[in-house]
Amino acid sequence: MKVLIATDKPFAKVAVDGIRKEVEAAGFELALLEKYTEKQQLLDAVVDVDAIIIRSDIIDAEVIDAAKKLRIVVRAGAGYDNVDLEAATDAGVCVMNTPGQNSNAVAELVFGLLVFAVRNFYNGTSGTELKDKKLGIHAYGNVGRNVARIAKGFGMKLYAYDAFCSDELIQCDGVTPVSSVEKLYETCDIVSVNIPATAETKKSINAELVNRMPKGGIIVNTARKEVINEAELVQLMETRTDIKYVTDILPGNHAEMLEKFAGRYFSTPQKMGAQTAEANINAGIAAAAQIVDFIKNGNQRFRVNK
């Protein structure tokens, strides 16, 4: 069995060493394709592999077609919209993610962005505090739960909406469940967006929804670019001069937002949520362990395609 790590943005060496230990202990071979610059390099590398570990790398129908022996792809991280699930299913390839491995890193970034925002981007003027602010958690999954845990240390009032999570589970964590996404935005001073990019959620964070927020509302998005209706957000922020938007996902209209909303908008240059040594290591090693378990035992617990 041959396992390929295909990463144009490589794992840290300690993560690669951990992956190698998992793979070779199972009697499998490990191959590396790092910092590749052309798709053809990826196509050549997958020809004889049984499994692939990726980060944000694109595994589309062409790559899957080139990998005739491929049995499983694992995205080291929570999101998996960089993999063509339909093509994988058609080819009999299992696709998995590694949920929870990056969650604390993403949640900590939420509060790095929030403190920056409420202190007016450290411009020397008087800001506000997070204590006693109402924080809405939009999707109460692994990241949402970590956001709640950290928010308690700031003394915030916590609310959550998740269509797939029971009120009882949310209440057990000392968080108040709300009945609708509209209610969440109407209630909360700050909303942390943690939803995946799906057909239902794409562009769902729109002007109508954000306009429901109280005066001084802040949206922090560490989820996906696609869930924000960027054009509508610009239009709303032009009329709602109290709204702030902070994110680690560079919008397509970044230059326009930067010009129009100085002091109310901030984006990191690239996705930063999982960019910690710990998350890097955890996700990579988890991906390797899942591949071994799948090939040896048929475990499909984290499968995301049909």
C-alpha atoms as a PDB file:
ATOM      1  CA  MET A   1       0.000   0.000   0.000  1.00  0.00           C
ATOM      2  CA  LYS A   2       1.292   3.441  -0.925  1.00  0.00           C
ATOM      3  CA  VAL A   3       0.208   6.633   0.834  1.00  0.00           C
ATOM      4  CA  LEU A   4       0.935  10.032  -0.719  1.00  0.00           C
ATOM      5  CA  ILE A   5       1.145  13.308   1.151  1.00  0.00           C
ATOM      6  CA  ALA A   6       0.285  15.908  -1.507  1.00  0.00           C
ATOM      7  CA  THR A   7       0.676  19.407  -0.065  1.00  0.00           C
ATOM      8  CA  ASP A   8       1.580  22.548  -1.953  1.00  0.00           C
ATOM      9  CA  LYS A   9       1.755  24.120   1.536  1.00  0.00           C
ATOM     10  CA  PRO A  10       3.681  21.419   3.408  1.00  0.00           C
ATOM     11  CA  PHE A  11       3.022  20.058   6.855  1.00  0.00           C
ATOM     12  CA  ALA A  12       5.606  20.891   9.497  1.00  0.00           C
ATOM     13  CA  LYS A  13       8.434  18.351   9.668  1.00  0.00           C
ATOM     14  CA  VAL A  14       7.207  17.018  13.014  1.00  0.00           C
ATOM     15  CA  ALA A  15       3.801  16.359  11.430  1.00  0.00           C
ATOM     16  CA  VAL A  16       5.370  14.529   8.471  1.00  0.00           C
ATOM     17  CA  ASP A  17       7.444  12.469  10.910  1.00  0.00           C
ATOM     18  CA  GLY A  18       4.275  11.553  12.819  1.00  0.00           C
ATOM     19  CA  ILE A  19       2.461  10.599   9.623  1.00  0.00           C
ATOM     20  CA  ARG A  20       5.414   8.503   8.499  1.00  0.00           C
ATOM     21  CA  LYS A  21       5.450   6.669  11.827  1.00  0.00           C
ATOM     22  CA  GLU A  22       1.737   5.792  11.517  1.00  0.00           C
ATOM     23  CA  VAL A  23       2.014   4.721   7.874  1.00  0.00           C
ATOM     24  CA  GLU A  24       5.212   2.699   8.112  1.00  0.00           C
ATOM     25  CA  ALA A  25       4.151   0.991  11.359  1.00  0.00           C
ATOM     26  CA  ALA A  26       1.230  -0.403   9.357  1.00  0.00           C
ATOM     27  CA  GLY A  27       3.625  -1.749   6.730  1.00  0.00           C
ATOM     28  CA  PHE A  28       2.695   0.884   4.121  1.00  0.00           C
ATOM     29  CA  GLU A  29       4.958   3.035   1.966  1.00  0.00           C
ATOM     30  CA  LEU A  30       4.910   6.847   2.292  1.00  0.00           C
ATOM     31  CA  ALA A  31       5.566   9.235  -0.593  1.00  0.00           C
ATOM     32  CA  LEU A  32       5.847  13.030  -0.459  1.00  0.00           C
ATOM     33  CA  LEU A  33       4.846  15.697  -2.968  1.00  0.00           C
ATOM     34  CA  GLU A  34       5.486  19.083  -1.380  1.00  0.00           C
ATOM     35  CA  LYS A  35       5.507  22.642  -2.736  1.00  0.00           C
ATOM     36  CA  TYR A  36       4.464  21.496  -6.201  1.00  0.00           C
ATOM     37  CA  THR A  37       3.778  24.289  -8.672  1.00  0.00           C
ATOM     38  CA  GLU A  38       1.931  22.559 -11.508  1.00  0.00           C
ATOM     39  CA  LYS A  39      -1.077  20.263 -11.566  1.00  0.00           C
ATOM     40  CA  GLN A  40       0.794  17.810 -13.780  1.00  0.00           C
ATOM     41  CA  GLN A  41       3.144  17.095 -10.896  1.00  0.00           C
ATOM     42  CA  LEU A  42       0.159  16.003  -8.825  1.00  0.00           C
ATOM     43  CA  LEU A  43      -1.269  13.949 -11.682  1.00  0.00           C
ATOM     44  CA  ASP A  44       2.051  12.127 -12.076  1.00  0.00           C
ATOM     45  CA  ALA A  45       2.383  11.515  -8.327  1.00  0.00           C
ATOM     46  CA  VAL A  46      -1.039   9.892  -7.851  1.00  0.00           C
ATOM     47  CA  VAL A  47      -0.699   7.258 -10.586  1.00  0.00           C
ATOM     48  CA  ASP A  48       0.273   4.384  -8.279  1.00  0.00           C
ATOM     49  CA  VAL A  49      -1.032   5.447  -4.863  1.00  0.00           C
ATOM     50  CA  ASP A  50      -3.735   3.811  -2.742  1.00  0.00           C
ATOM     51  CA  ALA A  51      -4.317   6.765  -0.418  1.00  0.00           C
ATOM     52  CA  ILE A  52      -3.762  10.518  -0.418  1.00  0.00           C
ATOM     53  CA  ILE A  53      -3.448  13.001   2.438  1.00  0.00           C
ATOM     54  CA  ILE A  54      -4.068  16.635   1.474  1.00  0.00           C
ATOM     55  CA  ARG A  55      -4.573  20.046   3.045  1.00  0.00           C
ATOM     56  CA  SER A  56      -6.108  22.691   0.766  1.00  0.00           C
ATOM     57  CA  ASP A  57      -5.005  20.893  -2.388  1.00  0.00           C
ATOM     58  CA  ILE A  58      -7.557  20.346  -5.152  1.00  0.00           C
ATOM     59  CA  ILE A  59      -8.576  16.758  -5.809  1.00  0.00           C
ATOM     60  CA  ASP A  60     -10.875  17.006  -8.817  1.00  0.00           C
ATOM     61  CA  ALA A  61     -12.191  14.489 -11.340  1.00  0.00           C
ATOM     62  CA  GLU A  62      -8.981  14.665 -13.392  1.00  0.00           C
ATOM     63  CA  VAL A  63      -6.820  13.790 -10.395  1.00  0.00           C
ATOM     64  CA  ILE A  64      -9.148  10.971  -9.356  1.00  0.00           C
ATOM     65  CA  ASP A  65      -9.161   9.593 -12.898  1.00  0.00           C
ATOM     66  CA  ALA A  66      -5.346   9.594 -12.938  1.00  0.00           C
ATOM     67  CA  ALA A  67      -5.188   7.659  -9.659  1.00  0.00           C
ATOM     68  CA  LYS A  68      -6.378   4.260 -10.850  1.00  0.00           C
ATOM     69  CA  LYS A  69      -5.473   2.475  -7.583  1.00  0.00           C
ATOM     70  CA  LEU A  70      -6.864   5.145  -5.274  1.00  0.00           C
ATOM     71  CA  ARG A  71      -9.072   3.962  -2.428  1.00  0.00           C
ATOM     72  CA  ILE A  72      -9.176   6.881  -0.012  1.00  0.00           C
ATOM     73  CA  VAL A  73      -8.502  10.636   0.204  1.00  0.00           C
ATOM     74  CA  VAL A  74      -8.261  12.320   3.598  1.00  0.00           C
ATOM     75  CA  ARG A  75      -8.410  16.076   3.929  1.00  0.00           C
ATOM     76  CA  ALA A  76      -6.367  17.023   7.006  1.00  0.00           C
ATOM     77  CA  GLY A  77      -8.862  19.509   8.405  1.00  0.00           C
ATOM     78  CA  ALA A  78     -12.580  20.031   8.738  1.00  0.00           C
ATOM     79  CA  GLY A  79     -13.530  21.485   5.355  1.00  0.00           C
ATOM     80  CA  TYR A  80     -13.515  19.291   2.258  1.00  0.00           C
ATOM     81  CA  ASP A  81     -14.940  21.452  -0.518  1.00  0.00           C
ATOM     82  CA  ASN A  82     -11.597  21.144  -2.335  1.00  0.00           C
ATOM     83  CA  VAL A  83     -12.437  17.516  -3.156  1.00  0.00           C
ATOM     84  CA  ASP A  84     -14.871  16.531  -5.931  1.00  0.00           C
ATOM     85  CA  LEU A  85     -17.088  14.232  -3.868  1.00  0.00           C
ATOM     86  CA  GLU A  86     -19.247  13.147  -6.786  1.00  0.00           C
ATOM     87  CA  ALA A  87     -16.235  12.121  -8.872  1.00  0.00           C
ATOM     88  CA  ALA A  88     -14.799  10.269  -5.873  1.00  0.00           C
ATOM     89  CA  THR A  89     -18.050   8.391  -5.298  1.00  0.00           C
ATOM     90  CA  ASP A  90     -18.295   7.455  -8.979  1.00  0.00           C
ATOM     91  CA  ALA A  91     -14.758   6.050  -8.805  1.00  0.00           C
ATOM     92  CA  GLY A  92     -15.412   4.128  -5.591  1.00  0.00           C
ATOM     93  CA  VAL A  93     -13.058   6.352  -3.588  1.00  0.00           C
ATOM     94  CA  CYS A  94     -13.764   7.118   0.069  1.00  0.00           C
ATOM     95  CA  VAL A  95     -13.276  10.750   1.130  1.00  0.00           C
ATOM     96  CA  MET A  96     -12.777  11.696   4.771  1.00  0.00           C
ATOM     97  CA  ASN A  97     -11.976  14.797   6.780  1.00  0.00           C
ATOM     98  CA  THR A  98     -10.421  15.014  10.255  1.00  0.00           C
ATOM     99  CA  PRO A  99     -13.068  16.862  12.296  1.00  0.00           C
ATOM    100  CA  GLY A 100     -12.046  18.406  15.577  1.00  0.00           C
ATOM    101  CA  GLN A 101      -8.299  18.395  15.025  1.00  0.00           C
ATOM    102  CA  ASN A 102      -8.105  22.098  14.116  1.00  0.00           C
ATOM    103  CA  SER A 103     -11.028  23.270  16.221  1.00  0.00           C
ATOM    104  CA  ASN A 104      -9.184  24.869  19.109  1.00  0.00           C
ATOM    105  CA  ALA A 105      -6.839  26.689  16.747  1.00  0.00           C
ATOM    106  CA  VAL A 106      -9.779  28.164  14.825  1.00  0.00           C
ATOM    107  CA  ALA A 107     -11.635  29.103  18.012  1.00  0.00           C
ATOM    108  CA  GLU A 108      -8.603  30.877  19.458  1.00  0.00           C
ATOM    109  CA  LEU A 109      -8.281  32.857  16.228  1.00  0.00           C
ATOM    110  CA  VAL A 110     -11.922  33.950  16.589  1.00  0.00           C
ATOM    111  CA  PHE A 111     -10.997  35.733  19.805  1.00  0.00           C
ATOM    112  CA  GLY A 112      -7.782  37.147  18.396  1.00  0.00           C
ATOM    113  CA  LEU A 113      -9.875  38.784  15.686  1.00  0.00           C
ATOM    114  CA  LEU A 114     -12.589  39.870  18.122  1.00  0.00           C
ATOM    115  CA  VAL A 115     -10.278  41.585  20.602  1.00  0.00           C
ATOM    116  CA  PHE A 116      -8.648  43.346  17.639  1.00  0.00           C
ATOM    117  CA  ALA A 117     -12.074  44.475  16.402  1.00  0.00           C
ATOM    118  CA  VAL A 118     -13.566  45.707  19.684  1.00  0.00           C
ATOM    119  CA  ARG A 119     -10.375  47.665  20.429  1.00  0.00           C
ATOM    120  CA  ASN A 120     -10.790  49.495  17.099  1.00  0.00           C
ATOM    121  CA  PHE A 121      -7.920  47.638  15.442  1.00  0.00           C
ATOM    122  CA  TYR A 122      -5.511  49.127  18.023  1.00  0.00           C
ATOM    123  CA  ASN A 123      -5.731  52.591  16.490  1.00  0.00           C
ATOM    124  CA  GLY A 124      -5.305  54.369  19.820  1.00  0.00           C
ATOM    125  CA  THR A 125      -8.974  55.221  20.368  1.00  0.00           C
ATOM    126  CA  SER A 126     -11.238  53.949  23.130  1.00  0.00           C
ATOM    127  CA  GLY A 127     -12.841  50.601  22.311  1.00  0.00           C
ATOM    128  CA  THR A 128     -15.164  48.253  24.160  1.00  0.00           C
ATOM    129  CA  GLU A 129     -14.879  44.982  26.086  1.00  0.00           C
ATOM    130  CA  LEU A 130     -16.135  41.495  25.309  1.00  0.00           C
ATOM    131  CA  LYS A 131     -17.394  40.965  28.863  1.00  0.00           C
ATOM    132  CA  ASP A 132     -21.219  40.827  29.022  1.00  0.00           C
ATOM    133  CA  LYS A 133     -21.553  41.048  25.234  1.00  0.00           C
ATOM    134  CA  LYS A 134     -23.986  38.608  23.621  1.00  0.00           C
ATOM    135  CA  LEU A 135     -22.076  36.169  21.421  1.00  0.00           C
ATOM    136  CA  GLY A 136     -23.958  34.161  18.826  1.00  0.00           C
ATOM    137  CA  ILE A 137     -22.404  30.897  17.691  1.00  0.00           C
ATOM    138  CA  HIS A 138     -23.647  30.090  14.188  1.00  0.00           C
ATOM    139  CA  ALA A 139     -23.218  26.286  14.046  1.00  0.00           C
ATOM    140  CA  TYR A 140     -22.447  24.400  17.226  1.00  0.00           C
ATOM    141  CA  GLY A 141     -19.965  21.828  15.968  1.00  0.00           C
ATOM    142  CA  ASN A 142     -16.387  21.250  17.081  1.00  0.00           C
ATOM    143  CA  VAL A 143     -15.324  24.846  16.458  1.00  0.00           C
ATOM    144  CA  GLY A 144     -18.523  26.257  17.952  1.00  0.00           C
ATOM    145  CA  ARG A 145     -18.057  24.280  21.159  1.00  0.00           C
ATOM    146  CA  ASN A 146     -14.494  25.555  21.530  1.00  0.00           C
ATOM    147  CA  VAL A 147     -15.681  29.115  20.865  1.00  0.00           C
ATOM    148  CA  ALA A 148     -18.200  28.684  23.693  1.00  0.00           C
ATOM    149  CA  ARG A 149     -15.553  27.319  26.047  1.00  0.00           C
ATOM    150  CA  ILE A 150     -13.218  30.263  25.455  1.00  0.00           C
ATOM    151  CA  ALA A 151     -16.026  32.845  25.540  1.00  0.00           C
ATOM    152  CA  LYS A 152     -16.923  31.809  29.070  1.00  0.00           C
ATOM    153  CA  GLY A 153     -13.494  33.024  30.179  1.00  0.00           C
ATOM    154  CA  PHE A 154     -14.315  36.454  28.773  1.00  0.00           C
ATOM    155  CA  GLY A 155     -17.600  36.541  30.684  1.00  0.00           C
ATOM    156  CA  MET A 156     -19.759  36.700  27.563  1.00  0.00           C
ATOM    157  CA  LYS A 157     -23.433  35.749  27.286  1.00  0.00           C
ATOM    158  CA  LEU A 158     -23.678  32.785  24.917  1.00  0.00           C
ATOM    159  CA  TYR A 159     -26.297  31.836  22.328  1.00  0.00           C
ATOM    160  CA  ALA A 160     -26.164  29.230  19.574  1.00  0.00           C
ATOM    161  CA  TYR A 161     -28.108  28.097  16.543  1.00  0.00           C
ATOM    162  CA  ASP A 162     -27.512  24.768  14.835  1.00  0.00           C
ATOM    163  CA  ALA A 163     -30.182  23.034  12.773  1.00  0.00           C
ATOM    164  CA  PHE A 164     -28.563  19.644  13.417  1.00  0.00           C
ATOM    165  CA  CYS A 165     -27.726  19.948  17.108  1.00  0.00           C
ATOM    166  CA  SER A 166     -30.264  19.397  19.884  1.00  0.00           C
ATOM    167  CA  ASP A 167     -31.192  22.150  22.305  1.00  0.00           C
ATOM    168  CA  GLU A 168     -30.372  19.775  25.153  1.00  0.00           C
ATOM    169  CA  LEU A 169     -26.761  19.347  24.021  1.00  0.00           C
ATOM    170  CA  ILE A 170     -26.306  23.115  23.659  1.00  0.00           C
ATOM    171  CA  GLN A 171     -27.883  23.772  27.072  1.00  0.00           C
ATOM    172  CA  CYS A 172     -25.600  21.191  28.704  1.00  0.00           C
ATOM    173  CA  ASP A 173     -22.677  23.485  27.842  1.00  0.00           C
ATOM    174  CA  GLY A 174     -24.315  26.472  29.504  1.00  0.00           C
ATOM    175  CA  VAL A 175     -25.255  28.028  26.151  1.00  0.00           C
ATOM    176  CA  THR A 176     -28.732  29.311  25.265  1.00  0.00           C
ATOM    177  CA  PRO A 177     -30.161  27.708  22.105  1.00  0.00           C
ATOM    178  CA  VAL A 178     -32.221  29.890  19.779  1.00  0.00           C
ATOM    179  CA  SER A 179     -34.953  28.709  17.437  1.00  0.00           C
ATOM    180  CA  SER A 180     -33.755  30.237  14.176  1.00  0.00           C
ATOM    181  CA  VAL A 181     -30.748  31.799  12.511  1.00  0.00           C
ATOM    182  CA  GLU A 182     -32.704  35.058  12.257  1.00  0.00           C
ATOM    183  CA  LYS A 183     -33.245  35.051  16.015  1.00  0.00           C
ATOM    184  CA  LEU A 184     -29.529  34.505  16.582  1.00  0.00           C
ATOM    185  CA  TYR A 185     -28.568  37.603  14.592  1.00  0.00           C
ATOM    186  CA  GLU A 186     -31.341  39.710  16.136  1.00  0.00           C
ATOM    187  CA  THR A 187     -30.213  38.784  19.643  1.00  0.00           C
ATOM    188  CA  CYS A 188     -26.438  38.957  19.485  1.00  0.00           C
ATOM    189  CA  ASP A 189     -23.903  41.788  19.474  1.00  0.00           C
ATOM    190  CA  ILE A 190     -21.326  39.489  17.870  1.00  0.00           C
ATOM    191  CA  VAL A 191     -21.779  36.423  15.676  1.00  0.00           C
ATOM    192  CA  SER A 192     -19.090  33.810  15.070  1.00  0.00           C
ATOM    193  CA  VAL A 193     -19.755  32.131  11.709  1.00  0.00           C
ATOM    194  CA  ASN A 194     -18.742  28.450  11.835  1.00  0.00           C
ATOM    195  CA  ILE A 195     -20.949  26.924   9.122  1.00  0.00           C
ATOM    196  CA  PRO A 196     -19.599  24.747   6.278  1.00  0.00           C
ATOM    197  CA  ALA A 197     -19.961  25.768   2.641  1.00  0.00           C
ATOM    198  CA  THR A 198     -22.877  23.741   1.264  1.00  0.00           C
ATOM    199  CA  ALA A 199     -25.544  24.349  -1.348  1.00  0.00           C
ATOM    200  CA  GLU A 200     -27.804  25.602   1.455  1.00  0.00           C
ATOM    201  CA  THR A 201     -25.290  27.861   3.189  1.00  0.00           C
ATOM    202  CA  LYS A 202     -23.486  29.518   0.286  1.00  0.00           C
ATOM    203  CA  LYS A 203     -24.129  33.293   0.365  1.00  0.00           C
ATOM    204  CA  SER A 204     -26.562  32.746   3.241  1.00  0.00           C
ATOM    205  CA  ILE A 205     -24.871  35.436   5.348  1.00  0.00           C
ATOM    206  CA  ASN A 206     -26.553  38.219   3.420  1.00  0.00           C
ATOM    207  CA  ALA A 207     -27.694  41.804   3.943  1.00  0.00           C
ATOM    208  CA  GLU A 208     -31.124  40.863   5.274  1.00  0.00           C
ATOM    209  CA  LEU A 209     -29.633  38.595   7.933  1.00  0.00           C
ATOM    210  CA  VAL A 210     -26.776  40.837   9.066  1.00  0.00           C
ATOM    211  CA  ASN A 211     -29.058  43.882   9.132  1.00  0.00           C
ATOM    212  CA  ARG A 212     -30.969  42.207  11.969  1.00  0.00           C
ATOM    213  CA  MET A 213     -28.007  42.698  14.305  1.00  0.00           C
ATOM    214  CA  PRO A 214     -28.105  45.328  17.056  1.00  0.00           C
ATOM    215  CA  LYS A 215     -26.158  48.562  16.675  1.00  0.00           C
ATOM    216  CA  GLY A 216     -22.407  47.953  16.743  1.00  0.00           C
ATOM    217  CA  GLY A 217     -22.730  44.373  15.515  1.00  0.00           C
ATOM    218  CA  ILE A 218     -19.623  42.399  14.604  1.00  0.00           C
ATOM    219  CA  ILE A 219     -19.416  39.421  12.261  1.00  0.00           C
ATOM    220  CA  VAL A 220     -16.345  37.193  12.594  1.00  0.00           C
ATOM    221  CA  ASN A 221     -16.003  34.619   9.844  1.00  0.00           C
ATOM    222  CA  THR A 222     -13.465  31.814  10.231  1.00  0.00           C
ATOM    223  CA  ALA A 223     -15.574  29.348   8.235  1.00  0.00           C
ATOM    224  CA  ARG A 224     -15.630  29.692   4.447  1.00  0.00           C
ATOM    225  CA  LYS A 225     -15.543  32.579   1.982  1.00  0.00           C
ATOM    226  CA  GLU A 226     -18.485  31.163   0.061  1.00  0.00           C
ATOM    227  CA  VAL A 227     -20.981  31.517   2.916  1.00  0.00           C
ATOM    228  CA  ILE A 228     -20.778  35.325   2.780  1.00  0.00           C
ATOM    229  CA  ASN A 229     -22.754  37.277   0.201  1.00  0.00           C
ATOM    230  CA  GLU A 230     -19.900  39.703  -0.316  1.00  0.00           C
ATOM    231  CA  ALA A 231     -21.708  42.121  -2.651  1.00  0.00           C
ATOM    232  CA  GLU A 232     -24.653  42.465  -0.256  1.00  0.00           C
ATOM    233  CA  LEU A 233     -22.341  42.856   2.731  1.00  0.00           C
ATOM    234  CA  VAL A 234     -20.682  45.850   1.042  1.00  0.00           C
ATOM    235  CA  GLN A 235     -24.062  47.422   0.335  1.00  0.00           C
ATOM    236  CA  LEU A 236     -25.175  46.903   3.927  1.00  0.00           C
ATOM    237  CA  MET A 237     -21.972  48.254   5.466  1.00  0.00           C
ATOM    238  CA  GLU A 238     -22.362  51.394   3.364  1.00  0.00           C
ATOM    239  CA  THR A 239     -25.684  52.128   5.103  1.00  0.00           C
ATOM    240  CA  ARG A 240     -25.009  50.434   8.458  1.00  0.00           C
ATOM    241  CA  THR A 241     -21.878  52.352   9.409  1.00  0.00           C
ATOM    242  CA  ASP A 242     -21.845  50.630  12.813  1.00  0.00           C
ATOM    243  CA  ILE A 243     -21.231  47.107  11.479  1.00  0.00           C
ATOM    244  CA  LYS A 244     -17.767  45.520  11.565  1.00  0.00           C
ATOM    245  CA  TYR A 245     -16.570  42.464   9.627  1.00  0.00           C
ATOM    246  CA  VAL A 246     -13.414  40.518  10.502  1.00  0.00           C
ATOM    247  CA  THR A 247     -12.246  37.320   8.859  1.00  0.00           C
ATOM    248  CA  ASP A 248      -9.312  35.073   8.044  1.00  0.00           C
ATOM    249  CA  ILE A 249     -10.647  34.453   4.534  1.00  0.00           C
ATOM    250  CA  LEU A 250      -9.681  37.149   2.040  1.00  0.00           C
ATOM    251  CA  PRO A 251     -12.878  38.318   0.282  1.00  0.00           C
ATOM    252  CA  GLY A 252     -13.018  38.571  -3.481  1.00  0.00           C
ATOM    253  CA  ASN A 253     -13.733  42.289  -3.062  1.00  0.00           C
ATOM    254  CA  HIS A 254     -11.003  42.859  -0.456  1.00  0.00           C
ATOM    255  CA  ALA A 255      -9.618  46.036  -2.071  1.00  0.00           C
ATOM    256  CA  GLU A 256     -13.072  47.620  -2.211  1.00  0.00           C
ATOM    257  CA  MET A 257     -13.848  46.737   1.407  1.00  0.00           C
ATOM    258  CA  LEU A 258     -10.486  47.994   2.597  1.00  0.00           C
ATOM    259  CA  GLU A 259     -11.008  51.312   0.819  1.00  0.00           C
ATOM    260  CA  LYS A 260     -14.601  51.822   1.937  1.00  0.00           C
ATOM    261  CA  PHE A 261     -14.539  50.434   5.461  1.00  0.00           C
ATOM    262  CA  ALA A 262     -11.223  51.357   7.036  1.00  0.00           C
ATOM    263  CA  GLY A 263     -11.555  50.802  10.766  1.00  0.00           C
ATOM    264  CA  ARG A 264     -14.527  48.452  10.336  1.00  0.00           C
ATOM    265  CA  TYR A 265     -13.074  45.662   8.206  1.00  0.00           C
ATOM    266  CA  PHE A 266     -10.073  43.386   8.525  1.00  0.00           C
ATOM    267  CA  SER A 267      -8.922  40.231   6.770  1.00  0.00           C
ATOM    268  CA  THR A 268      -5.750  38.227   7.162  1.00  0.00           C
ATOM    269  CA  PRO A 269      -3.816  37.763   3.900  1.00  0.00           C
ATOM    270  CA  GLN A 270      -4.580  34.028   3.866  1.00  0.00           C
ATOM    271  CA  LYS A 271      -6.601  31.426   5.772  1.00  0.00           C
ATOM    272  CA  MET A 272      -5.140  31.292   9.258  1.00  0.00           C
ATOM    273  CA  GLY A 273      -7.571  29.204  11.302  1.00  0.00           C
ATOM    274  CA  ALA A 274      -5.581  25.978  11.312  1.00  0.00           C
ATOM    275  CA  GLN A 275      -2.158  27.605  11.081  1.00  0.00           C
ATOM    276  CA  THR A 276      -0.725  26.463  14.386  1.00  0.00           C
ATOM    277  CA  ALA A 277       1.929  23.863  15.000  1.00  0.00           C
ATOM    278  CA  GLU A 278      -0.469  21.853  17.146  1.00  0.00           C
ATOM    279  CA  ALA A 279      -3.305  21.808  14.608  1.00  0.00           C
ATOM    280  CA  ASN A 280      -0.889  20.984  11.803  1.00  0.00           C
ATOM    281  CA  ILE A 281       0.440  17.980  13.683  1.00  0.00           C
ATOM    282  CA  ASN A 282      -2.929  16.773  15.003  1.00  0.00           C
ATOM    283  CA  ALA A 283      -4.702  16.861  11.630  1.00  0.00           C
ATOM    284  CA  GLY A 284      -1.877  15.200   9.723  1.00  0.00           C
ATOM    285  CA  ILE A 285      -1.435  12.332  12.143  1.00  0.00           C
ATOM    286  CA  ALA A 286      -5.204  11.851  12.428  1.00  0.00           C
ATOM    287  CA  ALA A 287      -5.403  11.607   8.619  1.00  0.00           C
ATOM    288  CA  ALA A 288      -2.736   8.908   8.586  1.00  0.00           C
ATOM    289  CA  ALA A 289      -4.421   6.936  11.383  1.00  0.00           C
ATOM    290  CA  GLN A 290      -7.767   7.088   9.552  1.00  0.00           C
ATOM    291  CA  ILE A 291      -6.194   5.756   6.356  1.00  0.00           C
ATOM    292  CA  VAL A 292      -4.615   2.846   8.188  1.00  0.00           C
ATOM    293  CA  ASP A 293      -7.879   2.056   9.989  1.00  0.00           C
ATOM    294  CA  PHE A 294      -9.845   2.244   6.737  1.00  0.00           C
ATOM    295  CA  ILE A 295      -7.509   0.006   4.746  1.00  0.00           C
ATOM    296  CA  LYS A 296      -6.982  -2.558   7.510  1.00  0.00           C
ATOM    297  CA  ASN A 297     -10.386  -2.551   9.195  1.00  0.00           C
ATOM    298  CA  GLY A 298     -12.786  -0.865   6.786  1.00  0.00           C
ATOM    299  CA  ASN A 299     -13.574   1.914   9.279  1.00  0.00           C
ATOM    300  CA  GLN A 300     -15.453   4.705   7.456  1.00  0.00           C
ATOM    301  CA  ARG A 301     -16.450   6.772  10.484  1.00  0.00           C
ATOM    302  CA  PHE A 302     -15.404  10.134   9.030  1.00  0.00           C
ATOM    303  CA  ARG A 303     -16.502   9.476   5.453  1.00  0.00           C
ATOM    304  CA  VAL A 304     -18.046  12.593   3.841  1.00  0.00           C
ATOM    305  CA  ASN A 305     -19.099  11.239   0.420  1.00  0.00           C
ATOM    306  CA  LYS A 306     -21.754   8.641  -0.384  1.00  0.00           C
END
